Amino acid sequence: MLNVIIIFSAKYLYLLSIGLFVLYGFLTKKHRNDFILFSLLVLPVSFLFGVFAGHFFYNPRPFVTSNVVPLIAHISNNGFPSDHALLTGTLASIVSIFDAPMAIILWILAIFVGGARVLAHVHHTIDILGSYTIAIMSATILYPLISKLRAPFLRVLKSFGFGEKENPMLK
């Protein structure tokens, strides 16, 4: 039974994080534009930092270096950083700027996803912690840009017909 929970968490639990993140984006009224702008900045930058880090740090997966069988099928490529942990950590880092209670929920999910990936023998702990570090650093580095990019971002939205008066979802 425990293996079923680990497998489910390692393979699918990140989808709940995505769902809660998107739901938060739709339901939040305060700082919605900043949330969208910050998400559009942090998500790709975090991904690029992850790709960059993966080129400089090679960490074979546990099932390659140890005599263990992974609980989920996976190719034997570089395990650093964990894409699942990077995504869930980035979503949690973004929401951390705007809503502490929702951020706590997303961080708990991120930790479960990362822990399950380690328990499933497809990542080492350093892969997970490195992913969370990249996510937190991306959000921290880019946060000061929100105030500088807010006005141009709103102009672009309005030029595409997504002004606050035309679309109540962007208020």
N, C-alpha and C. Protein backbone atom coordinates (compact mmCIF):
# COMPACT_ATOMS: atom_id res chain seq x y z
N MET A 1 0.83 -1.20 0.00
CA MET A 1 0.00 0.00 0.00
C MET A 1 0.87 1.26 0.00
N LEU A 2 1.97 1.23 0.79
CA LEU A 2 2.85 2.38 0.84
C LEU A 2 3.48 2.65 -0.53
N ASN A 3 3.85 1.60 -1.25
CA ASN A 3 4.41 1.78 -2.59
C ASN A 3 3.42 2.44 -3.53
N VAL A 4 2.15 2.13 -3.40
CA VAL A 4 1.11 2.74 -4.25
C VAL A 4 1.05 4.24 -3.98
N ILE A 5 1.12 4.63 -2.72
CA ILE A 5 1.09 6.05 -2.36
C ILE A 5 2.33 6.76 -2.88
N ILE A 6 3.48 6.12 -2.74
CA ILE A 6 4.73 6.71 -3.24
C ILE A 6 4.67 6.88 -4.75
N ILE A 7 4.23 5.85 -5.45
CA ILE A 7 4.14 5.91 -6.92
C ILE A 7 3.17 6.99 -7.36
N PHE A 8 1.99 7.03 -6.74
CA PHE A 8 1.01 8.06 -7.09
C PHE A 8 1.58 9.46 -6.84
N SER A 9 2.19 9.66 -5.68
CA SER A 9 2.74 10.97 -5.34
C SER A 9 3.89 11.36 -6.27
N ALA A 10 4.74 10.40 -6.60
CA ALA A 10 5.88 10.68 -7.46
C ALA A 10 5.47 11.00 -8.90
N LYS A 11 4.40 10.37 -9.36
CA LYS A 11 4.00 10.53 -10.76
C LYS A 11 2.91 11.59 -10.98
N TYR A 12 1.98 11.73 -10.02
CA TYR A 12 0.78 12.51 -10.31
C TYR A 12 0.47 13.65 -9.35
N LEU A 13 1.05 13.67 -8.17
CA LEU A 13 0.67 14.68 -7.18
C LEU A 13 1.00 16.10 -7.63
N TYR A 14 2.00 16.24 -8.50
CA TYR A 14 2.34 17.57 -9.00
C TYR A 14 1.16 18.21 -9.74
N LEU A 15 0.27 17.37 -10.29
CA LEU A 15 -0.90 17.91 -11.00
C LEU A 15 -1.83 18.66 -10.06
N LEU A 16 -1.92 18.21 -8.81
CA LEU A 16 -2.72 18.92 -7.82
C LEU A 16 -2.12 20.30 -7.55
N SER A 17 -0.79 20.37 -7.49
CA SER A 17 -0.13 21.67 -7.31
C SER A 17 -0.47 22.61 -8.46
N ILE A 18 -0.41 22.10 -9.68
CA ILE A 18 -0.75 22.92 -10.84
C ILE A 18 -2.19 23.39 -10.76
N GLY A 19 -3.09 22.48 -10.42
CA GLY A 19 -4.51 22.82 -10.31
C GLY A 19 -4.76 23.89 -9.26
N LEU A 20 -4.15 23.76 -8.10
CA LEU A 20 -4.32 24.76 -7.04
C LEU A 20 -3.72 26.10 -7.43
N PHE A 21 -2.60 26.06 -8.12
CA PHE A 21 -1.95 27.28 -8.59
C PHE A 21 -2.86 28.03 -9.57
N VAL A 22 -3.39 27.31 -10.54
CA VAL A 22 -4.28 27.92 -11.54
C VAL A 22 -5.56 28.42 -10.86
N LEU A 23 -6.11 27.62 -9.98
CA LEU A 23 -7.31 28.02 -9.24
C LEU A 23 -7.05 29.29 -8.44
N TYR A 24 -5.92 29.35 -7.78
CA TYR A 24 -5.56 30.57 -7.03
C TYR A 24 -5.51 31.77 -7.99
N GLY A 25 -4.91 31.59 -9.15
CA GLY A 25 -4.83 32.68 -10.11
C GLY A 25 -6.19 33.18 -10.56
N PHE A 26 -7.14 32.27 -10.70
CA PHE A 26 -8.49 32.68 -11.10
C PHE A 26 -9.29 33.29 -9.96
N LEU A 27 -9.10 32.78 -8.76
CA LEU A 27 -9.94 33.22 -7.64
C LEU A 27 -9.42 34.44 -6.90
N THR A 28 -8.13 34.69 -6.98
CA THR A 28 -7.60 35.83 -6.24
C THR A 28 -8.05 37.13 -6.90
N LYS A 29 -8.44 38.07 -6.08
CA LYS A 29 -8.83 39.38 -6.61
C LYS A 29 -7.74 40.41 -6.34
N LYS A 30 -7.07 40.22 -5.22
CA LYS A 30 -6.02 41.16 -4.84
C LYS A 30 -4.72 40.77 -5.55
N HIS A 31 -4.09 41.69 -6.20
CA HIS A 31 -2.79 41.48 -6.85
C HIS A 31 -2.84 40.49 -8.01
N ARG A 32 -3.98 40.33 -8.66
CA ARG A 32 -4.06 39.35 -9.75
C ARG A 32 -3.09 39.66 -10.89
N ASN A 33 -3.04 40.92 -11.29
CA ASN A 33 -2.13 41.28 -12.38
C ASN A 33 -0.68 41.01 -12.00
N ASP A 34 -0.32 41.36 -10.77
CA ASP A 34 1.05 41.10 -10.31
C ASP A 34 1.32 39.59 -10.27
N PHE A 35 0.34 38.82 -9.85
CA PHE A 35 0.49 37.36 -9.79
C PHE A 35 0.73 36.79 -11.19
N ILE A 36 -0.05 37.24 -12.16
CA ILE A 36 0.11 36.77 -13.54
C ILE A 36 1.47 37.18 -14.08
N LEU A 37 1.82 38.45 -13.90
CA LEU A 37 3.11 38.96 -14.38
C LEU A 37 4.26 38.19 -13.74
N PHE A 38 4.21 38.02 -12.42
CA PHE A 38 5.27 37.33 -11.71
C PHE A 38 5.38 35.87 -12.18
N SER A 39 4.25 35.24 -12.40
CA SER A 39 4.26 33.86 -12.89
C SER A 39 4.89 33.77 -14.27
N LEU A 40 4.54 34.72 -15.14
CA LEU A 40 5.11 34.73 -16.49
C LEU A 40 6.61 34.98 -16.48
N LEU A 41 7.11 35.64 -15.47
CA LEU A 41 8.55 35.87 -15.34
C LEU A 41 9.26 34.67 -14.71
N VAL A 42 8.74 34.21 -13.59
CA VAL A 42 9.46 33.23 -12.78
C VAL A 42 9.44 31.84 -13.40
N LEU A 43 8.32 31.40 -13.94
CA LEU A 43 8.26 30.03 -14.47
C LEU A 43 9.31 29.75 -15.54
N PRO A 44 9.43 30.56 -16.57
CA PRO A 44 10.46 30.25 -17.57
C PRO A 44 11.88 30.45 -17.05
N VAL A 45 12.09 31.44 -16.21
CA VAL A 45 13.44 31.68 -15.68
C VAL A 45 13.87 30.51 -14.79
N SER A 46 12.97 30.04 -13.97
CA SER A 46 13.27 28.89 -13.11
C SER A 46 13.61 27.66 -13.97
N PHE A 47 12.84 27.45 -15.01
CA PHE A 47 13.11 26.33 -15.93
C PHE A 47 14.50 26.48 -16.56
N LEU A 48 14.82 27.68 -17.04
CA LEU A 48 16.11 27.90 -17.68
C LEU A 48 17.27 27.74 -16.70
N PHE A 49 17.09 28.23 -15.47
CA PHE A 49 18.12 28.01 -14.44
C PHE A 49 18.30 26.52 -14.19
N GLY A 50 17.20 25.77 -14.19
CA GLY A 50 17.28 24.32 -14.01
C GLY A 50 18.04 23.64 -15.13
N VAL A 51 17.75 24.02 -16.36
CA VAL A 51 18.47 23.46 -17.51
C VAL A 51 19.96 23.81 -17.41
N PHE A 52 20.24 25.06 -17.10
CA PHE A 52 21.62 25.52 -16.96
C PHE A 52 22.34 24.73 -15.87
N ALA A 53 21.72 24.57 -14.71
CA ALA A 53 22.33 23.84 -13.59
C ALA A 53 22.56 22.38 -13.96
N GLY A 54 21.64 21.80 -14.71
CA GLY A 54 21.77 20.41 -15.12
C GLY A 54 22.96 20.17 -16.05
N HIS A 55 23.37 21.22 -16.77
CA HIS A 55 24.54 21.09 -17.65
C HIS A 55 25.85 21.13 -16.88
N PHE A 56 25.82 21.71 -15.68
CA PHE A 56 27.04 21.85 -14.91
C PHE A 56 27.15 20.87 -13.75
N PHE A 57 26.05 20.23 -13.41
CA PHE A 57 26.08 19.28 -12.30
C PHE A 57 25.39 18.00 -12.74
N TYR A 58 26.16 16.94 -12.85
CA TYR A 58 25.60 15.66 -13.26
C TYR A 58 25.47 14.77 -12.03
N ASN A 59 24.29 14.27 -11.80
CA ASN A 59 24.05 13.37 -10.69
C ASN A 59 23.24 12.18 -11.20
N PRO A 60 23.90 11.04 -11.39
CA PRO A 60 23.17 9.86 -11.89
C PRO A 60 22.04 9.49 -10.93
N ARG A 61 21.01 8.95 -11.48
CA ARG A 61 19.85 8.57 -10.68
C ARG A 61 20.21 7.41 -9.74
N PRO A 62 19.49 7.29 -8.62
CA PRO A 62 19.81 6.25 -7.62
C PRO A 62 19.82 4.83 -8.19
N PHE A 63 18.91 4.55 -9.10
CA PHE A 63 18.85 3.19 -9.65
C PHE A 63 20.02 2.89 -10.58
N VAL A 64 20.75 3.94 -10.97
CA VAL A 64 21.94 3.75 -11.81
C VAL A 64 23.16 3.47 -10.92
N THR A 65 23.26 4.18 -9.83
CA THR A 65 24.45 4.08 -8.98
C THR A 65 24.33 3.02 -7.88
N SER A 66 23.12 2.65 -7.52
CA SER A 66 22.90 1.67 -6.46
C SER A 66 22.22 0.44 -7.04
N ASN A 67 22.17 -0.57 -6.26
CA ASN A 67 21.50 -1.79 -6.69
C ASN A 67 20.03 -1.75 -6.27
N VAL A 68 19.30 -0.75 -6.75
CA VAL A 68 17.88 -0.63 -6.42
C VAL A 68 17.07 -0.59 -7.70
N VAL A 69 15.84 -1.02 -7.59
CA VAL A 69 14.91 -0.98 -8.71
C VAL A 69 13.96 0.18 -8.45
N PRO A 70 13.84 1.12 -9.40
CA PRO A 70 12.92 2.25 -9.18
C PRO A 70 11.47 1.76 -9.15
N LEU A 71 10.67 2.45 -8.37
CA LEU A 71 9.25 2.10 -8.30
C LEU A 71 8.50 2.55 -9.54
N ILE A 72 9.06 3.51 -10.27
CA ILE A 72 8.45 3.96 -11.52
C ILE A 72 9.51 3.90 -12.61
N ALA A 73 9.11 3.55 -13.79
CA ALA A 73 10.04 3.46 -14.91
C ALA A 73 10.59 4.84 -15.23
N HIS A 74 11.88 4.89 -15.47
CA HIS A 74 12.51 6.17 -15.79
C HIS A 74 13.78 5.91 -16.59
N ILE A 75 14.09 6.83 -17.50
CA ILE A 75 15.34 6.70 -18.23
C ILE A 75 16.50 7.06 -17.31
N SER A 76 17.67 6.58 -17.64
CA SER A 76 18.82 6.79 -16.75
C SER A 76 19.63 8.02 -17.16
N ASN A 77 18.98 9.16 -17.18
CA ASN A 77 19.67 10.40 -17.51
C ASN A 77 20.05 11.15 -16.24
N ASN A 78 20.49 12.38 -16.37
CA ASN A 78 20.86 13.21 -15.24
C ASN A 78 19.65 13.43 -14.33
N GLY A 79 19.82 13.22 -13.05
CA GLY A 79 18.73 13.41 -12.10
C GLY A 79 18.66 14.82 -11.54
N PHE A 80 19.67 15.64 -11.85
CA PHE A 80 19.70 16.99 -11.28
C PHE A 80 19.38 18.02 -12.34
N PRO A 81 18.49 18.93 -12.05
CA PRO A 81 17.55 18.96 -10.93
C PRO A 81 16.32 18.13 -11.26
N SER A 82 15.51 17.88 -10.26
CA SER A 82 14.26 17.17 -10.47
C SER A 82 13.24 18.11 -11.11
N ASP A 83 12.73 17.75 -12.28
CA ASP A 83 11.73 18.60 -12.95
C ASP A 83 10.46 18.73 -12.10
N HIS A 84 10.03 17.62 -11.50
CA HIS A 84 8.81 17.66 -10.68
C HIS A 84 8.99 18.58 -9.48
N ALA A 85 10.13 18.45 -8.80
CA ALA A 85 10.39 19.30 -7.64
C ALA A 85 10.60 20.75 -8.05
N LEU A 86 11.24 20.96 -9.19
CA LEU A 86 11.45 22.33 -9.68
C LEU A 86 10.12 23.00 -9.97
N LEU A 87 9.23 22.30 -10.65
CA LEU A 87 7.93 22.88 -10.96
C LEU A 87 7.12 23.16 -9.70
N THR A 88 6.98 22.16 -8.83
CA THR A 88 6.16 22.37 -7.63
C THR A 88 6.79 23.41 -6.71
N GLY A 89 8.11 23.43 -6.62
CA GLY A 89 8.78 24.44 -5.82
C GLY A 89 8.62 25.84 -6.40
N THR A 90 8.65 25.94 -7.71
CA THR A 90 8.47 27.24 -8.36
C THR A 90 7.04 27.76 -8.16
N LEU A 91 6.06 26.88 -8.30
CA LEU A 91 4.67 27.29 -8.07
C LEU A 91 4.49 27.78 -6.62
N ALA A 92 5.06 27.03 -5.69
CA ALA A 92 4.95 27.41 -4.28
C ALA A 92 5.70 28.71 -4.00
N SER A 93 6.85 28.91 -4.63
CA SER A 93 7.62 30.14 -4.44
C SER A 93 6.86 31.36 -4.97
N ILE A 94 6.21 31.20 -6.10
CA ILE A 94 5.43 32.31 -6.67
C ILE A 94 4.30 32.68 -5.73
N VAL A 95 3.54 31.70 -5.30
CA VAL A 95 2.40 31.97 -4.42
C VAL A 95 2.86 32.50 -3.06
N SER A 96 4.06 32.14 -2.63
CA SER A 96 4.59 32.61 -1.34
C SER A 96 4.64 34.14 -1.26
N ILE A 97 4.80 34.78 -2.39
CA ILE A 97 4.86 36.24 -2.43
C ILE A 97 3.49 36.86 -2.15
N PHE A 98 2.42 36.14 -2.47
CA PHE A 98 1.08 36.72 -2.44
C PHE A 98 0.16 36.17 -1.36
N ASP A 99 0.32 34.93 -0.96
CA ASP A 99 -0.67 34.31 -0.06
C ASP A 99 0.00 33.21 0.76
N ALA A 100 0.31 33.52 2.03
CA ALA A 100 1.03 32.57 2.88
C ALA A 100 0.27 31.26 3.11
N PRO A 101 -1.03 31.28 3.42
CA PRO A 101 -1.71 30.00 3.65
C PRO A 101 -1.72 29.09 2.41
N MET A 102 -1.96 29.65 1.24
CA MET A 102 -1.93 28.83 0.02
C MET A 102 -0.50 28.37 -0.26
N ALA A 103 0.48 29.22 0.02
CA ALA A 103 1.88 28.84 -0.18
C ALA A 103 2.25 27.66 0.71
N ILE A 104 1.77 27.65 1.93
CA ILE A 104 2.05 26.52 2.83
C ILE A 104 1.50 25.23 2.24
N ILE A 105 0.31 25.28 1.72
CA ILE A 105 -0.29 24.09 1.10
C ILE A 105 0.55 23.62 -0.08
N LEU A 106 0.97 24.57 -0.93
CA LEU A 106 1.76 24.21 -2.11
C LEU A 106 3.15 23.70 -1.72
N TRP A 107 3.74 24.26 -0.67
CA TRP A 107 5.04 23.76 -0.22
C TRP A 107 4.92 22.36 0.36
N ILE A 108 3.84 22.09 1.08
CA ILE A 108 3.62 20.74 1.60
C ILE A 108 3.50 19.75 0.44
N LEU A 109 2.74 20.12 -0.58
CA LEU A 109 2.62 19.26 -1.76
C LEU A 109 3.97 19.08 -2.43
N ALA A 110 4.74 20.16 -2.55
CA ALA A 110 6.07 20.08 -3.18
C ALA A 110 6.98 19.13 -2.40
N ILE A 111 6.91 19.20 -1.09
CA ILE A 111 7.74 18.32 -0.26
C ILE A 111 7.30 16.86 -0.42
N PHE A 112 6.00 16.63 -0.49
CA PHE A 112 5.50 15.27 -0.73
C PHE A 112 5.95 14.75 -2.09
N VAL A 113 5.87 15.59 -3.11
CA VAL A 113 6.30 15.18 -4.45
C VAL A 113 7.79 14.86 -4.44
N GLY A 114 8.59 15.75 -3.88
CA GLY A 114 10.03 15.53 -3.83
C GLY A 114 10.40 14.30 -3.02
N GLY A 115 9.77 14.15 -1.87
CA GLY A 115 10.03 12.97 -1.04
C GLY A 115 9.65 11.68 -1.73
N ALA A 116 8.54 11.71 -2.44
CA ALA A 116 8.10 10.52 -3.16
C ALA A 116 9.06 10.18 -4.30
N ARG A 117 9.62 11.19 -4.95
CA ARG A 117 10.59 10.93 -6.02
C ARG A 117 11.85 10.28 -5.46
N VAL A 118 12.25 10.68 -4.26
CA VAL A 118 13.40 10.05 -3.61
C VAL A 118 13.05 8.62 -3.19
N LEU A 119 11.89 8.44 -2.57
CA LEU A 119 11.48 7.11 -2.12
C LEU A 119 11.23 6.15 -3.29
N ALA A 120 10.90 6.70 -4.45
CA ALA A 120 10.69 5.87 -5.64
C ALA A 120 12.02 5.54 -6.32
N HIS A 121 13.12 6.04 -5.78
CA HIS A 121 14.47 5.78 -6.28
C HIS A 121 14.73 6.35 -7.68
N VAL A 122 14.10 7.48 -7.98
CA VAL A 122 14.40 8.14 -9.26
C VAL A 122 15.19 9.44 -9.06
N HIS A 123 15.36 9.87 -7.81
CA HIS A 123 16.14 11.07 -7.49
C HIS A 123 16.86 10.88 -6.17
N HIS A 124 17.97 11.60 -6.05
CA HIS A 124 18.65 11.74 -4.76
C HIS A 124 18.09 12.99 -4.06
N THR A 125 18.30 13.06 -2.77
CA THR A 125 17.83 14.22 -2.01
C THR A 125 18.43 15.52 -2.54
N ILE A 126 19.67 15.50 -2.98
CA ILE A 126 20.32 16.71 -3.50
C ILE A 126 19.61 17.22 -4.76
N ASP A 127 19.05 16.32 -5.56
CA ASP A 127 18.29 16.73 -6.75
C ASP A 127 17.07 17.55 -6.35
N ILE A 128 16.42 17.09 -5.29
CA ILE A 128 15.19 17.75 -4.82
C ILE A 128 15.54 19.10 -4.18
N LEU A 129 16.50 19.09 -3.27
CA LEU A 129 16.88 20.33 -2.59
C LEU A 129 17.45 21.35 -3.57
N GLY A 130 18.20 20.88 -4.55
CA GLY A 130 18.70 21.79 -5.59
C GLY A 130 17.57 22.42 -6.38
N SER A 131 16.55 21.63 -6.67
CA SER A 131 15.38 22.15 -7.40
C SER A 131 14.67 23.24 -6.60
N TYR A 132 14.47 22.98 -5.31
CA TYR A 132 13.81 23.97 -4.46
C TYR A 132 14.65 25.24 -4.34
N THR A 133 15.97 25.08 -4.29
CA THR A 133 16.86 26.24 -4.21
C THR A 133 16.76 27.08 -5.47
N ILE A 134 16.74 26.43 -6.62
CA ILE A 134 16.59 27.15 -7.89
C ILE A 134 15.25 27.88 -7.93
N ALA A 135 14.20 27.23 -7.49
CA ALA A 135 12.87 27.84 -7.49
C ALA A 135 12.83 29.07 -6.59
N ILE A 136 13.34 28.94 -5.39
CA ILE A 136 13.33 30.06 -4.45
C ILE A 136 14.20 31.21 -4.95
N MET A 137 15.37 30.88 -5.48
CA MET A 137 16.27 31.91 -6.01
C MET A 137 15.63 32.64 -7.18
N SER A 138 14.96 31.93 -8.06
CA SER A 138 14.31 32.56 -9.22
C SER A 138 13.27 33.57 -8.76
N ALA A 139 12.43 33.17 -7.82
CA ALA A 139 11.38 34.07 -7.33
C ALA A 139 11.99 35.26 -6.59
N THR A 140 13.01 35.01 -5.80
CA THR A 140 13.63 36.08 -5.02
C THR A 140 14.33 37.10 -5.93
N ILE A 141 15.02 36.62 -6.93
CA ILE A 141 15.74 37.50 -7.85
C ILE A 141 14.78 38.34 -8.69
N LEU A 142 13.67 37.75 -9.11
CA LEU A 142 12.76 38.44 -10.02
C LEU A 142 11.70 39.29 -9.33
N TYR A 143 11.49 39.10 -8.05
CA TYR A 143 10.44 39.84 -7.35
C TYR A 143 10.57 41.37 -7.51
N PRO A 144 11.77 41.95 -7.40
CA PRO A 144 11.86 43.41 -7.56
C PRO A 144 11.43 43.92 -8.94
N LEU A 145 11.38 43.06 -9.94
CA LEU A 145 11.00 43.51 -11.28
C LEU A 145 9.51 43.78 -11.44
N ILE A 146 8.70 43.26 -10.53
CA ILE A 146 7.24 43.44 -10.67
C ILE A 146 6.88 44.91 -10.77
N SER A 147 7.38 45.73 -9.85
CA SER A 147 7.01 47.14 -9.85
C SER A 147 7.49 47.86 -11.11
N LYS A 148 8.60 47.42 -11.67
CA LYS A 148 9.13 48.05 -12.88
C LYS A 148 8.37 47.63 -14.14
N LEU A 149 7.84 46.42 -14.14
CA LEU A 149 7.18 45.89 -15.34
C LEU A 149 5.66 45.95 -15.29
N ARG A 150 5.10 46.38 -14.17
CA ARG A 150 3.63 46.40 -14.02
C ARG A 150 2.95 47.26 -15.09
N ALA A 151 3.40 48.50 -15.25
CA ALA A 151 2.76 49.40 -16.22
C ALA A 151 2.87 48.89 -17.65
N PRO A 152 4.07 48.49 -18.11
CA PRO A 152 4.13 47.95 -19.49
C PRO A 152 3.29 46.68 -19.66
N PHE A 153 3.25 45.85 -18.64
CA PHE A 153 2.45 44.63 -18.71
C PHE A 153 0.97 44.96 -18.86
N LEU A 154 0.48 45.92 -18.10
CA LEU A 154 -0.93 46.31 -18.20
C LEU A 154 -1.24 46.91 -19.57
N ARG A 155 -0.29 47.67 -20.13
CA ARG A 155 -0.49 48.22 -21.48
C ARG A 155 -0.60 47.10 -22.51
N VAL A 156 0.23 46.08 -22.39
CA VAL A 156 0.17 44.95 -23.32
C VAL A 156 -1.17 44.22 -23.17
N LEU A 157 -1.60 43.99 -21.93
CA LEU A 157 -2.90 43.34 -21.71
C LEU A 157 -4.02 44.13 -22.36
N LYS A 158 -4.02 45.44 -22.16
CA LYS A 158 -5.08 46.27 -22.73
C LYS A 158 -5.03 46.28 -24.25
N SER A 159 -3.83 46.21 -24.82
CA SER A 159 -3.73 46.21 -26.29
C SER A 159 -4.33 44.94 -26.89
N PHE A 160 -4.38 43.87 -26.10
CA PHE A 160 -4.99 42.63 -26.55
C PHE A 160 -6.44 42.50 -26.07
N GLY A 161 -6.99 43.58 -25.54
CA GLY A 161 -8.38 43.56 -25.11
C GLY A 161 -8.60 42.95 -23.73
N PHE A 162 -7.56 42.88 -22.92
CA PHE A 162 -7.69 42.31 -21.59
C PHE A 162 -7.55 43.35 -20.50
N GLY A 163 -8.06 44.52 -20.76
CA GLY A 163 -8.01 45.56 -19.75
C GLY A 163 -8.91 45.21 -18.58
N GLU A 164 -8.71 45.88 -17.48
CA GLU A 164 -9.48 45.54 -16.27
C GLU A 164 -10.98 45.77 -16.47
N LYS A 165 -11.37 46.78 -17.24
CA LYS A 165 -12.79 47.01 -17.46
C LYS A 165 -13.39 45.97 -18.41
N GLU A 166 -12.60 45.56 -19.40
CA GLU A 166 -13.13 44.60 -20.38
C GLU A 166 -13.21 43.17 -19.82
N ASN A 167 -12.31 42.81 -18.93
CA ASN A 167 -12.25 41.44 -18.43
C ASN A 167 -12.17 41.45 -16.92
N PRO A 168 -13.28 41.17 -16.23
CA PRO A 168 -13.27 41.18 -14.77
C PRO A 168 -12.36 40.11 -14.16
N MET A 169 -11.95 39.10 -14.94
CA MET A 169 -11.07 38.06 -14.43
C MET A 169 -9.67 38.61 -14.13
N LEU A 170 -9.31 39.75 -14.75
CA LEU A 170 -7.98 40.31 -14.56
C LEU A 170 -7.95 41.44 -13.54
N LYS A 171 -9.01 41.64 -12.80
CA LYS A 171 -9.02 42.68 -11.77
C LYS A 171 -8.17 42.28 -10.61
